[in-house]
PDB file of N, CA and C in Angstrom:
ATOM      1  N   UNK A   1       0.823  -1.195   0.000  1.00  0.00           N
ATOM      2  CA  UNK A   1       0.000   0.000   0.000  1.00  0.00           C
ATOM      3  C   UNK A   1       0.870   1.264   0.000  1.00  0.00           C
ATOM      4  N   UNK A   2       1.982   1.218   0.758  1.00  0.00           N
ATOM      5  CA  UNK A   2       2.858   2.384   0.818  1.00  0.00           C
ATOM      6  C   UNK A   2       3.427   2.735  -0.553  1.00  0.00           C
ATOM      7  N   UNK A   3       3.795   1.706  -1.311  1.00  0.00           N
ATOM      8  CA  UNK A   3       4.379   1.974  -2.628  1.00  0.00           C
ATOM      9  C   UNK A   3       3.365   2.643  -3.547  1.00  0.00           C
ATOM     10  N   UNK A   4       2.117   2.273  -3.428  1.00  0.00           N
ATOM     11  CA  UNK A   4       1.066   2.888  -4.249  1.00  0.00           C
ATOM     12  C   UNK A   4       0.915   4.368  -3.897  1.00  0.00           C
ATOM     13  N   UNK A   5       0.986   4.685  -2.620  1.00  0.00           N
ATOM     14  CA  UNK A   5       0.881   6.075  -2.188  1.00  0.00           C
ATOM     15  C   UNK A   5       2.068   6.870  -2.710  1.00  0.00           C
ATOM     16  N   UNK A   6       3.268   6.327  -2.544  1.00  0.00           N
ATOM     17  CA  UNK A   6       4.476   7.019  -3.004  1.00  0.00           C
ATOM     18  C   UNK A   6       4.437   7.229  -4.515  1.00  0.00           C
ATOM     19  N   UNK A   7       4.057   6.200  -5.264  1.00  0.00           N
ATOM     20  CA  UNK A   7       3.987   6.336  -6.722  1.00  0.00           C
ATOM     21  C   UNK A   7       2.905   7.331  -7.129  1.00  0.00           C
ATOM     22  N   UNK A   8       1.764   7.313  -6.428  1.00  0.00           N
ATOM     23  CA  UNK A   8       0.694   8.262  -6.724  1.00  0.00           C
ATOM     24  C   UNK A   8       1.111   9.698  -6.460  1.00  0.00           C
ATOM     25  N   UNK A   9       1.768   9.931  -5.310  1.00  0.00           N
ATOM     26  CA  UNK A   9       2.242  11.282  -4.987  1.00  0.00           C
ATOM     27  C   UNK A   9       3.308  11.713  -5.985  1.00  0.00           C
ATOM     28  N   UNK A  10       4.219  10.823  -6.323  1.00  0.00           N
ATOM     29  CA  UNK A  10       5.271  11.148  -7.296  1.00  0.00           C
ATOM     30  C   UNK A  10       4.672  11.497  -8.653  1.00  0.00           C
ATOM     31  N   UNK A  11       3.714  10.705  -9.117  1.00  0.00           N
ATOM     32  CA  UNK A  11       3.067  10.976 -10.404  1.00  0.00           C
ATOM     33  C   UNK A  11       2.330  12.314 -10.360  1.00  0.00           C
ATOM     34  N   UNK A  12       1.628  12.564  -9.266  1.00  0.00           N
ATOM     35  CA  UNK A  12       0.913  13.835  -9.132  1.00  0.00           C
ATOM     36  C   UNK A  12       1.848  15.030  -9.143  1.00  0.00           C
ATOM     37  N   UNK A  13       2.951  14.898  -8.434  1.00  0.00           N
ATOM     38  CA  UNK A  13       3.929  15.987  -8.381  1.00  0.00           C
ATOM     39  C   UNK A  13       4.533  16.226  -9.766  1.00  0.00           C
ATOM     40  N   UNK A  14       4.872  15.164 -10.458  1.00  0.00           N
ATOM     41  CA  UNK A  14       5.455  15.304 -11.802  1.00  0.00           C
ATOM     42  C   UNK A  14       4.464  15.972 -12.746  1.00  0.00           C
ATOM     43  N   UNK A  15       3.204  15.552 -12.692  1.00  0.00           N
ATOM     44  CA  UNK A  15       2.179  16.149 -13.560  1.00  0.00           C
ATOM     45  C   UNK A  15       2.019  17.632 -13.255  1.00  0.00           C
ATOM     46  N   UNK A  16       1.986  17.977 -11.973  1.00  0.00           N
ATOM     47  CA  UNK A  16       1.850  19.389 -11.605  1.00  0.00           C
ATOM     48  C   UNK A  16       3.081  20.205 -11.984  1.00  0.00           C
ATOM     49  N   UNK A  17       4.278  19.595 -11.871  1.00  0.00           N
ATOM     50  CA  UNK A  17       5.484  20.286 -12.314  1.00  0.00           C
ATOM     51  C   UNK A  17       5.409  20.578 -13.815  1.00  0.00           C
ATOM     52  N   UNK A  18       5.012  19.579 -14.581  1.00  0.00           N
ATOM     53  CA  UNK A  18       4.969  19.727 -16.038  1.00  0.00           C
ATOM     54  C   UNK A  18       3.892  20.724 -16.455  1.00  0.00           C
ATOM     55  N   UNK A  19       2.724  20.652 -15.820  1.00  0.00           N
ATOM     56  CA  UNK A  19       1.614  21.528 -16.212  1.00  0.00           C
ATOM     57  C   UNK A  19       1.885  22.986 -15.851  1.00  0.00           C
ATOM     58  N   UNK A  20       2.678  23.211 -14.828  1.00  0.00           N
ATOM     59  CA  UNK A  20       3.062  24.554 -14.395  1.00  0.00           C
ATOM     60  C   UNK A  20       1.852  25.420 -14.020  1.00  0.00           C
ATOM     61  N   UNK A  21       0.781  24.762 -13.545  1.00  0.00           N
ATOM     62  CA  UNK A  21      -0.414  25.487 -13.119  1.00  0.00           C
ATOM     63  C   UNK A  21      -0.299  25.934 -11.663  1.00  0.00           C
ATOM     64  N   UNK A  22       0.547  25.244 -10.906  1.00  0.00           N
ATOM     65  CA  UNK A  22       0.780  25.574  -9.501  1.00  0.00           C
ATOM     66  C   UNK A  22       2.281  25.817  -9.347  1.00  0.00           C
ATOM     67  N   UNK A  23       2.644  26.783  -8.517  1.00  0.00           N
ATOM     68  CA  UNK A  23       4.065  27.086  -8.309  1.00  0.00           C
ATOM     69  C   UNK A  23       4.807  25.842  -7.831  1.00  0.00           C
ATOM     70  N   UNK A  24       6.063  25.696  -8.292  1.00  0.00           N
ATOM     71  CA  UNK A  24       6.834  24.497  -7.982  1.00  0.00           C
ATOM     72  C   UNK A  24       7.102  24.344  -6.488  1.00  0.00           C
ATOM     73  N   UNK A  25       7.275  25.436  -5.764  1.00  0.00           N
ATOM     74  CA  UNK A  25       7.517  25.311  -4.336  1.00  0.00           C
ATOM     75  C   UNK A  25       6.289  24.786  -3.610  1.00  0.00           C
ATOM     76  N   UNK A  26       5.100  25.208  -4.034  1.00  0.00           N
ATOM     77  CA  UNK A  26       3.859  24.733  -3.431  1.00  0.00           C
ATOM     78  C   UNK A  26       3.669  23.248  -3.735  1.00  0.00           C
ATOM     79  N   UNK A  27       3.954  22.849  -4.960  1.00  0.00           N
ATOM     80  CA  UNK A  27       3.825  21.437  -5.346  1.00  0.00           C
ATOM     81  C   UNK A  27       4.780  20.572  -4.532  1.00  0.00           C
ATOM     82  N   UNK A  28       6.029  21.002  -4.416  1.00  0.00           N
ATOM     83  CA  UNK A  28       7.032  20.220  -3.683  1.00  0.00           C
ATOM     84  C   UNK A  28       6.647  20.083  -2.205  1.00  0.00           C
ATOM     85  N   UNK A  29       6.253  21.187  -1.588  1.00  0.00           N
ATOM     86  CA  UNK A  29       5.844  21.119  -0.185  1.00  0.00           C
ATOM     87  C   UNK A  29       4.560  20.308  -0.025  1.00  0.00           C
ATOM     88  N   UNK A  30       3.656  20.421  -1.003  1.00  0.00           N
ATOM     89  CA  UNK A  30       2.431  19.617  -0.956  1.00  0.00           C
ATOM     90  C   UNK A  30       2.726  18.128  -1.003  1.00  0.00           C
ATOM     91  N   UNK A  31       3.658  17.731  -1.852  1.00  0.00           N
ATOM     92  CA  UNK A  31       4.057  16.319  -1.916  1.00  0.00           C
ATOM     93  C   UNK A  31       4.686  15.855  -0.611  1.00  0.00           C
ATOM     94  N   UNK A  32       5.530  16.702  -0.045  1.00  0.00           N
ATOM     95  CA  UNK A  32       6.169  16.373   1.235  1.00  0.00           C
ATOM     96  C   UNK A  32       5.132  16.234   2.340  1.00  0.00           C
ATOM     97  N   UNK A  33       4.213  17.168   2.412  1.00  0.00           N
ATOM     98  CA  UNK A  33       3.176  17.125   3.456  1.00  0.00           C
ATOM     99  C   UNK A  33       2.270  15.914   3.264  1.00  0.00           C
ATOM    100  N   UNK A  34       1.947  15.574   2.016  1.00  0.00           N
ATOM    101  CA  UNK A  34       1.123  14.391   1.750  1.00  0.00           C
ATOM    102  C   UNK A  34       1.804  13.133   2.258  1.00  0.00           C
ATOM    103  N   UNK A  35       3.090  12.992   1.989  1.00  0.00           N
ATOM    104  CA  UNK A  35       3.824  11.816   2.472  1.00  0.00           C
ATOM    105  C   UNK A  35       3.937  11.813   3.993  1.00  0.00           C
ATOM    106  N   UNK A  36       4.002  12.985   4.592  1.00  0.00           N
ATOM    107  CA  UNK A  36       4.069  13.096   6.047  1.00  0.00           C
ATOM    108  C   UNK A  36       2.731  12.723   6.678  1.00  0.00           C
ATOM    109  N   UNK A  37       1.642  13.244   6.135  1.00  0.00           N
ATOM    110  CA  UNK A  37       0.303  12.986   6.688  1.00  0.00           C
ATOM    111  C   UNK A  37      -0.099  11.525   6.523  1.00  0.00           C
ATOM    112  N   UNK A  38       0.297  10.910   5.423  1.00  0.00           N
ATOM    113  CA  UNK A  38      -0.059   9.509   5.199  1.00  0.00           C
ATOM    114  C   UNK A  38       0.809   8.546   6.000  1.00  0.00           C
ATOM    115  N   UNK A  39       1.819   9.061   6.658  1.00  0.00           N
ATOM    116  CA  UNK A  39       2.669   8.222   7.489  1.00  0.00           C
ATOM    117  C   UNK A  39       3.817   7.562   6.755  1.00  0.00           C
ATOM    118  N   UNK A  40       3.991   7.895   5.502  1.00  0.00           N
ATOM    119  CA  UNK A  40       5.109   7.321   4.742  1.00  0.00           C
ATOM    120  C   UNK A  40       6.426   7.858   5.290  1.00  0.00           C
ATOM    121  N   UNK A  41       6.449   9.141   5.622  1.00  0.00           N
ATOM    122  CA  UNK A  41       7.639   9.763   6.194  1.00  0.00           C
ATOM    123  C   UNK A  41       7.381  10.143   7.649  1.00  0.00           C
ATOM    124  N   UNK A  42       8.419  10.032   8.457  1.00  0.00           N
ATOM    125  CA  UNK A  42       8.342  10.554   9.823  1.00  0.00           C
ATOM    126  C   UNK A  42       8.654  12.045   9.775  1.00  0.00           C
ATOM    127  N   UNK A  43       8.367  12.725  10.855  1.00  0.00           N
ATOM    128  CA  UNK A  43       8.657  14.156  10.909  1.00  0.00           C
ATOM    129  C   UNK A  43      10.144  14.415  10.711  1.00  0.00           C
ATOM    130  N   UNK A  44      10.966  13.600  11.344  1.00  0.00           N
ATOM    131  CA  UNK A  44      12.419  13.758  11.200  1.00  0.00           C
ATOM    132  C   UNK A  44      12.877  13.566   9.770  1.00  0.00           C
ATOM    133  N   UNK A  45      12.317  12.555   9.108  1.00  0.00           N
ATOM    134  CA  UNK A  45      12.679  12.304   7.712  1.00  0.00           C
ATOM    135  C   UNK A  45      12.210  13.448   6.814  1.00  0.00           C
ATOM    136  N   UNK A  46      11.021  13.952   7.086  1.00  0.00           N
ATOM    137  CA  UNK A  46      10.471  15.030   6.266  1.00  0.00           C
ATOM    138  C   UNK A  46      11.283  16.309   6.403  1.00  0.00           C
ATOM    139  N   UNK A  47      11.781  16.586   7.584  1.00  0.00           N
ATOM    140  CA  UNK A  47      12.518  17.824   7.817  1.00  0.00           C
ATOM    141  C   UNK A  47      14.015  17.703   7.561  1.00  0.00           C
ATOM    142  N   UNK A  48      14.519  16.481   7.447  1.00  0.00           N
ATOM    143  CA  UNK A  48      15.967  16.293   7.292  1.00  0.00           C
ATOM    144  C   UNK A  48      16.507  16.909   6.005  1.00  0.00           C
ATOM    145  N   UNK A  49      15.714  16.967   4.966  1.00  0.00           N
ATOM    146  CA  UNK A  49      16.182  17.540   3.705  1.00  0.00           C
ATOM    147  C   UNK A  49      16.476  19.021   3.794  1.00  0.00           C
ATOM    148  N   UNK A  50      15.811  19.719   4.734  1.00  0.00           N
ATOM    149  CA  UNK A  50      16.024  21.156   4.853  1.00  0.00           C
ATOM    150  C   UNK A  50      17.381  21.498   5.456  1.00  0.00           C
ATOM    151  N   UNK A  51      18.084  20.505   5.977  1.00  0.00           N
ATOM    152  CA  UNK A  51      19.427  20.759   6.495  1.00  0.00           C
ATOM    153  C   UNK A  51      20.491  20.525   5.426  1.00  0.00           C
ATOM    154  N   UNK A  52      20.068  20.112   4.255  1.00  0.00           N
ATOM    155  CA  UNK A  52      20.990  19.830   3.158  1.00  0.00           C
ATOM    156  C   UNK A  52      21.441  21.128   2.486  1.00  0.00           C
ATOM    157  N   UNK A  53      22.741  21.284   2.345  1.00  0.00           N
ATOM    158  CA  UNK A  53      23.258  22.470   1.653  1.00  0.00           C
ATOM    159  C   UNK A  53      22.873  22.448   0.176  1.00  0.00           C
ATOM    160  N   UNK A  54      22.740  21.261  -0.390  1.00  0.00           N
ATOM    161  CA  UNK A  54      22.343  21.158  -1.798  1.00  0.00           C
ATOM    162  C   UNK A  54      20.939  21.719  -2.000  1.00  0.00           C
ATOM    163  N   UNK A  55      20.030  21.372  -1.116  1.00  0.00           N
ATOM    164  CA  UNK A  55      18.662  21.868  -1.216  1.00  0.00           C
ATOM    165  C   UNK A  55      18.624  23.386  -1.078  1.00  0.00           C
ATOM    166  N   UNK A  56      19.370  23.898  -0.151  1.00  0.00           N
ATOM    167  CA  UNK A  56      19.404  25.345   0.041  1.00  0.00           C
ATOM    168  C   UNK A  56      20.012  26.050  -1.173  1.00  0.00           C
ATOM    169  N   UNK A  57      21.025  25.443  -1.783  1.00  0.00           N
ATOM    170  CA  UNK A  57      21.635  26.032  -2.984  1.00  0.00           C
ATOM    171  C   UNK A  57      20.620  26.102  -4.120  1.00  0.00           C
ATOM    172  N   UNK A  58      19.866  25.041  -4.319  1.00  0.00           N
ATOM    173  CA  UNK A  58      18.850  25.024  -5.369  1.00  0.00           C
ATOM    174  C   UNK A  58      17.753  26.042  -5.064  1.00  0.00           C
ATOM    175  N   UNK A  59      17.343  26.138  -3.799  1.00  0.00           N
ATOM    176  CA  UNK A  59      16.319  27.115  -3.417  1.00  0.00           C
ATOM    177  C   UNK A  59      16.799  28.535  -3.715  1.00  0.00           C
ATOM    178  N   UNK A  60      18.034  28.815  -3.397  1.00  0.00           N
ATOM    179  CA  UNK A  60      18.574  30.146  -3.671  1.00  0.00           C
ATOM    180  C   UNK A  60      18.703  30.402  -5.174  1.00  0.00           C
ATOM    181  N   UNK A  61      18.975  29.356  -5.953  1.00  0.00           N
ATOM    182  CA  UNK A  61      19.031  29.520  -7.402  1.00  0.00           C
ATOM    183  C   UNK A  61      17.664  29.906  -7.965  1.00  0.00           C
ATOM    184  N   UNK A  62      16.588  29.361  -7.391  1.00  0.00           N
ATOM    185  CA  UNK A  62      15.240  29.765  -7.796  1.00  0.00           C
ATOM    186  C   UNK A  62      15.036  31.253  -7.533  1.00  0.00           C
ATOM    187  N   UNK A  63      15.479  31.717  -6.381  1.00  0.00           N
ATOM    188  CA  UNK A  63      15.317  33.125  -6.020  1.00  0.00           C
ATOM    189  C   UNK A  63      16.121  34.008  -6.971  1.00  0.00           C
ATOM    190  N   UNK A  64      17.365  33.657  -7.211  1.00  0.00           N
ATOM    191  CA  UNK A  64      18.214  34.449  -8.101  1.00  0.00           C
ATOM    192  C   UNK A  64      17.663  34.418  -9.532  1.00  0.00           C
ATOM    193  N   UNK A  65      17.223  33.257  -9.973  1.00  0.00           N
ATOM    194  CA  UNK A  65      16.659  33.144 -11.315  1.00  0.00           C
ATOM    195  C   UNK A  65      15.441  34.028 -11.500  1.00  0.00           C
ATOM    196  N   UNK A  66      14.560  34.037 -10.507  1.00  0.00           N
ATOM    197  CA  UNK A  66      13.373  34.893 -10.583  1.00  0.00           C
ATOM    198  C   UNK A  66      13.772  36.364 -10.585  1.00  0.00           C
ATOM    199  N   UNK A  67      14.774  36.714  -9.800  1.00  0.00           N
ATOM    200  CA  UNK A  67      15.244  38.100  -9.771  1.00  0.00           C
ATOM    201  C   UNK A  67      15.811  38.518 -11.120  1.00  0.00           C
ATOM    202  N   UNK A  68      16.504  37.617 -11.788  1.00  0.00           N
ATOM    203  CA  UNK A  68      17.062  37.925 -13.105  1.00  0.00           C
ATOM    204  C   UNK A  68      15.944  38.199 -14.105  1.00  0.00           C
ATOM    205  N   UNK A  69      14.861  37.422 -14.032  1.00  0.00           N
ATOM    206  CA  UNK A  69      13.742  37.645 -14.949  1.00  0.00           C
ATOM    207  C   UNK A  69      12.961  38.903 -14.593  1.00  0.00           C
ATOM    208  N   UNK A  70      12.665  39.097 -13.319  1.00  0.00           N
ATOM    209  CA  UNK A  70      11.864  40.265 -12.913  1.00  0.00           C
ATOM    210  C   UNK A  70      12.605  41.584 -13.119  1.00  0.00           C
ATOM    211  N   UNK A  71      13.914  41.565 -12.991  1.00  0.00           N
ATOM    212  CA  UNK A  71      14.683  42.801 -13.158  1.00  0.00           C
ATOM    213  C   UNK A  71      14.833  43.191 -14.625  1.00  0.00           C
ATOM    214  N   UNK A  72      14.542  42.269 -15.528  1.00  0.00           N
ATOM    215  CA  UNK A  72      14.690  42.547 -16.950  1.00  0.00           C
ATOM    216  C   UNK A  72      16.070  42.212 -17.488  1.00  0.00           C
ATOM    217  N   UNK A  73      16.949  41.708 -16.621  1.00  0.00           N
ATOM    218  CA  UNK A  73      18.303  41.378 -17.049  1.00  0.00           C
ATOM    219  C   UNK A  73      18.294  40.297 -18.123  1.00  0.00           C
ATOM    220  N   UNK A  74      17.438  39.288 -17.973  1.00  0.00           N
ATOM    221  CA  UNK A  74      17.378  38.210 -18.962  1.00  0.00           C
ATOM    222  C   UNK A  74      16.942  38.745 -20.327  1.00  0.00           C
ATOM    223  N   UNK A  75      15.939  39.614 -20.337  1.00  0.00           N
ATOM    224  CA  UNK A  75      15.486  40.205 -21.593  1.00  0.00           C
ATOM    225  C   UNK A  75      16.576  41.072 -22.215  1.00  0.00           C
ATOM    226  N   UNK A  76      17.276  41.813 -21.384  1.00  0.00           N
ATOM    227  CA  UNK A  76      18.352  42.683 -21.863  1.00  0.00           C
ATOM    228  C   UNK A  76      19.452  41.859 -22.527  1.00  0.00           C
ATOM    229  N   UNK A  77      19.845  40.794 -21.877  1.00  0.00           N
ATOM    230  CA  UNK A  77      20.894  39.924 -22.438  1.00  0.00           C
ATOM    231  C   UNK A  77      20.414  39.291 -23.734  1.00  0.00           C
ATOM    232  N   UNK A  78      19.162  38.821 -23.753  1.00  0.00           N
ATOM    233  CA  UNK A  78      18.620  38.185 -24.958  1.00  0.00           C
ATOM    234  C   UNK A  78      18.581  39.163 -26.122  1.00  0.00           C
ATOM    235  N   UNK A  79      18.173  40.400 -25.860  1.00  0.00           N
ATOM    236  CA  UNK A  79      18.132  41.400 -26.925  1.00  0.00           C
ATOM    237  C   UNK A  79      19.517  41.663 -27.492  1.00  0.00           C
ATOM    238  N   UNK A  80      20.510  41.733 -26.621  1.00  0.00           N
ATOM    239  CA  UNK A  80      21.883  41.974 -27.093  1.00  0.00           C
ATOM    240  C   UNK A  80      22.391  40.809 -27.933  1.00  0.00           C
ATOM    241  N   UNK A  81      22.043  39.600 -27.523  1.00  0.00           N
ATOM    242  CA  UNK A  81      22.460  38.426 -28.302  1.00  0.00           C
ATOM    243  C   UNK A  81      21.776  38.431 -29.657  1.00  0.00           C
ATOM    244  N   UNK A  82      20.480  38.754 -29.701  1.00  0.00           N
ATOM    245  CA  UNK A  82      19.758  38.804 -30.976  1.00  0.00           C
ATOM    246  C   UNK A  82      20.325  39.879 -31.892  1.00  0.00           C
ATOM    247  N   UNK A  83      20.661  41.034 -31.326  1.00  0.00           N
ATOM    248  CA  UNK A  83      21.231  42.112 -32.138  1.00  0.00           C
ATOM    249  C   UNK A  83      22.572  41.679 -32.722  1.00  0.00           C
ATOM    250  N   UNK A  84      23.386  41.035 -31.897  1.00  0.00           N
ATOM    251  CA  UNK A  84      24.723  40.631 -32.337  1.00  0.00           C
ATOM    252  C   UNK A  84      24.656  39.467 -33.327  1.00  0.00           C
ATOM    253  N   UNK A  85      23.781  38.498 -33.067  1.00  0.00           N
ATOM    254  CA  UNK A  85      23.750  37.282 -33.880  1.00  0.00           C
ATOM    255  C   UNK A  85      22.851  37.406 -35.102  1.00  0.00           C
ATOM    256  N   UNK A  86      21.868  38.289 -35.050  1.00  0.00           N
ATOM    257  CA  UNK A  86      20.944  38.405 -36.175  1.00  0.00           C
ATOM    258  C   UNK A  86      20.000  37.218 -36.239  1.00  0.00           C
ATOM    259  N   UNK A  87      19.519  36.918 -37.432  1.00  0.00           N
ATOM    260  CA  UNK A  87      18.534  35.844 -37.614  1.00  0.00           C
ATOM    261  C   UNK A  87      19.168  34.544 -38.121  1.00  0.00           C
ATOM    262  N   UNK A  88      20.467  34.528 -38.262  1.00  0.00           N
ATOM    263  CA  UNK A  88      21.138  33.332 -38.767  1.00  0.00           C
ATOM    264  C   UNK A  88      21.279  32.296 -37.651  1.00  0.00           C
ATOM    265  N   UNK A  89      20.778  31.107 -37.913  1.00  0.00           N
ATOM    266  CA  UNK A  89      20.764  30.068 -36.890  1.00  0.00           C
ATOM    267  C   UNK A  89      22.174  29.660 -36.458  1.00  0.00           C
ATOM    268  N   UNK A  90      23.069  29.486 -37.406  1.00  0.00           N
ATOM    269  CA  UNK A  90      24.431  29.066 -37.067  1.00  0.00           C
ATOM    270  C   UNK A  90      25.157  30.139 -36.260  1.00  0.00           C
ATOM    271  N   UNK A  91      24.970  31.392 -36.637  1.00  0.00           N
ATOM    272  CA  UNK A  91      25.610  32.477 -35.900  1.00  0.00           C
ATOM    273  C   UNK A  91      25.023  32.586 -34.493  1.00  0.00           C
ATOM    274  N   UNK A  92      23.709  32.390 -34.371  1.00  0.00           N
ATOM    275  CA  UNK A  92      23.051  32.419 -33.056  1.00  0.00           C
ATOM    276  C   UNK A  92      23.629  31.316 -32.161  1.00  0.00           C
ATOM    277  N   UNK A  93      23.803  30.124 -32.726  1.00  0.00           N
ATOM    278  CA  UNK A  93      24.362  29.014 -31.961  1.00  0.00           C
ATOM    279  C   UNK A  93      25.783  29.334 -31.506  1.00  0.00           C
ATOM    280  N   UNK A  94      26.574  29.902 -32.386  1.00  0.00           N
ATOM    281  CA  UNK A  94      27.947  30.261 -32.046  1.00  0.00           C
ATOM    282  C   UNK A  94      27.979  31.313 -30.935  1.00  0.00           C
ATOM    283  N   UNK A  95      27.125  32.329 -31.038  1.00  0.00           N
ATOM    284  CA  UNK A  95      27.083  33.389 -30.025  1.00  0.00           C
ATOM    285  C   UNK A  95      26.622  32.826 -28.681  1.00  0.00           C
ATOM    286  N   UNK A  96      25.598  31.985 -28.701  1.00  0.00           N
ATOM    287  CA  UNK A  96      25.116  31.390 -27.450  1.00  0.00           C
ATOM    288  C   UNK A  96      26.174  30.501 -26.793  1.00  0.00           C
ATOM    289  N   UNK A  97      26.840  29.686 -27.599  1.00  0.00           N
ATOM    290  CA  UNK A  97      27.898  28.818 -27.045  1.00  0.00           C
ATOM    291  C   UNK A  97      29.026  29.647 -26.440  1.00  0.00           C
ATOM    292  N   UNK A  98      29.423  30.688 -27.132  1.00  0.00           N
ATOM    293  CA  UNK A  98      30.491  31.547 -26.622  1.00  0.00           C
ATOM    294  C   UNK A  98      30.041  32.259 -25.349  1.00  0.00           C
ATOM    295  N   UNK A  99      28.783  32.736 -25.327  1.00  0.00           N
ATOM    296  CA  UNK A  99      28.260  33.418 -24.134  1.00  0.00           C
ATOM    297  C   UNK A  99      28.238  32.489 -22.933  1.00  0.00           C
ATOM    298  N   UNK A 100      27.769  31.281 -23.143  1.00  0.00           N
ATOM    299  CA  UNK A 100      27.708  30.313 -22.045  1.00  0.00           C
ATOM    300  C   UNK A 100      29.109  29.950 -21.564  1.00  0.00           C
ATOM    301  N   UNK A 101      30.036  29.800 -22.490  1.00  0.00           N
ATOM    302  CA  UNK A 101      31.411  29.474 -22.108  1.00  0.00           C
ATOM    303  C   UNK A 101      32.022  30.580 -21.256  1.00  0.00           C
ATOM    304  N   UNK A 102      31.774  31.811 -21.633  1.00  0.00           N
ATOM    305  CA  UNK A 102      32.322  32.941 -20.864  1.00  0.00           C
ATOM    306  C   UNK A 102      31.645  33.044 -19.503  1.00  0.00           C
ATOM    307  N   UNK A 103      30.306  32.949 -19.483  1.00  0.00           N
ATOM    308  CA  UNK A 103      29.574  33.064 -18.213  1.00  0.00           C
ATOM    309  C   UNK A 103      29.895  31.924 -17.249  1.00  0.00           C
ATOM    310  N   UNK A 104      30.151  30.742 -17.781  1.00  0.00           N
ATOM    311  CA  UNK A 104      30.410  29.598 -16.907  1.00  0.00           C
ATOM    312  C   UNK A 104      31.701  29.766 -16.108  1.00  0.00           C
ATOM    313  N   UNK A 105      32.557  30.656 -16.538  1.00  0.00           N
ATOM    314  CA  UNK A 105      33.786  30.921 -15.787  1.00  0.00           C
ATOM    315  C   UNK A 105      33.492  31.688 -14.504  1.00  0.00           C
ATOM    316  N   UNK A 106      32.352  32.382 -14.456  1.00  0.00           N
ATOM    317  CA  UNK A 106      32.037  33.228 -13.311  1.00  0.00           C
ATOM    318  C   UNK A 106      30.813  32.773 -12.518  1.00  0.00           C
ATOM    319  N   UNK A 107      29.976  31.933 -13.124  1.00  0.00           N
ATOM    320  CA  UNK A 107      28.727  31.511 -12.492  1.00  0.00           C
ATOM    321  C   UNK A 107      28.912  30.129 -11.884  1.00  0.00           C
ATOM    322  N   UNK A 108      28.316  29.925 -10.719  1.00  0.00           N
ATOM    323  CA  UNK A 108      28.401  28.640 -10.033  1.00  0.00           C
ATOM    324  C   UNK A 108      27.757  27.534 -10.857  1.00  0.00           C
ATOM    325  N   UNK A 109      28.359  26.374 -10.837  1.00  0.00           N
ATOM    326  CA  UNK A 109      27.798  25.211 -11.526  1.00  0.00           C
ATOM    327  C   UNK A 109      27.055  24.324 -10.531  1.00  0.00           C
ATOM    328  N   UNK A 110      26.261  24.922  -9.669  1.00  0.00           N
ATOM    329  CA  UNK A 110      25.553  24.199  -8.616  1.00  0.00           C
ATOM    330  C   UNK A 110      24.693  23.082  -9.182  1.00  0.00           C
ATOM    331  N   UNK A 111      24.011  23.353 -10.282  1.00  0.00           N
ATOM    332  CA  UNK A 111      23.126  22.355 -10.853  1.00  0.00           C
ATOM    333  C   UNK A 111      23.829  21.060 -11.224  1.00  0.00           C
ATOM    334  N   UNK A 112      25.093  21.111 -11.553  1.00  0.00           N
ATOM    335  CA  UNK A 112      25.808  19.908 -11.956  1.00  0.00           C
ATOM    336  C   UNK A 112      26.370  19.133 -10.780  1.00  0.00           C
ATOM    337  N   UNK A 113      26.677  19.788  -9.664  1.00  0.00           N
ATOM    338  CA  UNK A 113      27.274  19.056  -8.543  1.00  0.00           C
ATOM    339  C   UNK A 113      26.283  18.688  -7.472  1.00  0.00           C
ATOM    340  N   UNK A 114      25.080  19.203  -7.542  1.00  0.00           N
ATOM    341  CA  UNK A 114      24.098  18.946  -6.484  1.00  0.00           C
ATOM    342  C   UNK A 114      23.778  17.477  -6.371  1.00  0.00           C
ATOM    343  N   UNK A 115      23.767  16.776  -7.484  1.00  0.00           N
ATOM    344  CA  UNK A 115      23.366  15.366  -7.465  1.00  0.00           C
ATOM    345  C   UNK A 115      24.506  14.422  -7.113  1.00  0.00           C
ATOM    346  N   UNK A 116      25.684  14.957  -6.897  1.00  0.00           N
ATOM    347  CA  UNK A 116      26.827  14.114  -6.566  1.00  0.00           C
ATOM    348  C   UNK A 116      27.145  14.238  -5.079  1.00  0.00           C
ATOM    349  N   UNK A 117      27.179  13.110  -4.368  1.00  0.00           N
ATOM    350  CA  UNK A 117      27.520  13.202  -2.949  1.00  0.00           C
ATOM    351  C   UNK A 117      28.953  13.682  -2.758  1.00  0.00           C
ATOM    352  N   UNK A 118      29.148  14.426  -1.707  1.00  0.00           N
ATOM    353  CA  UNK A 118      30.489  14.972  -1.435  1.00  0.00           C
ATOM    354  C   UNK A 118      31.227  14.074  -0.483  1.00  0.00           C
TER     355      UNK A 118
END
């Protein structure tokens, strides 16, 4: 019975993530609370993830990402890339690859190391 609950909650969370009708933080906490209320997780197990530095890094990346979009920085960068690259697909690809290569020297690669145990 427990496996059915876990699979059902996982499927529901994935569907809600994909549909993007509910904010991802609400969906994630809803899944956690559902597993807690159904007794699949203990309180200690449910709260243990919040002590993870990886989880906190990802949470902060959501905040920074939203700030980049709300401030207009993402649109500004995109406009500059479009102006420089024009409408040519190959040139756009070259400009994007070069931009990412340059930015990766200064931006944290948290997304790539989060899944690897330290």
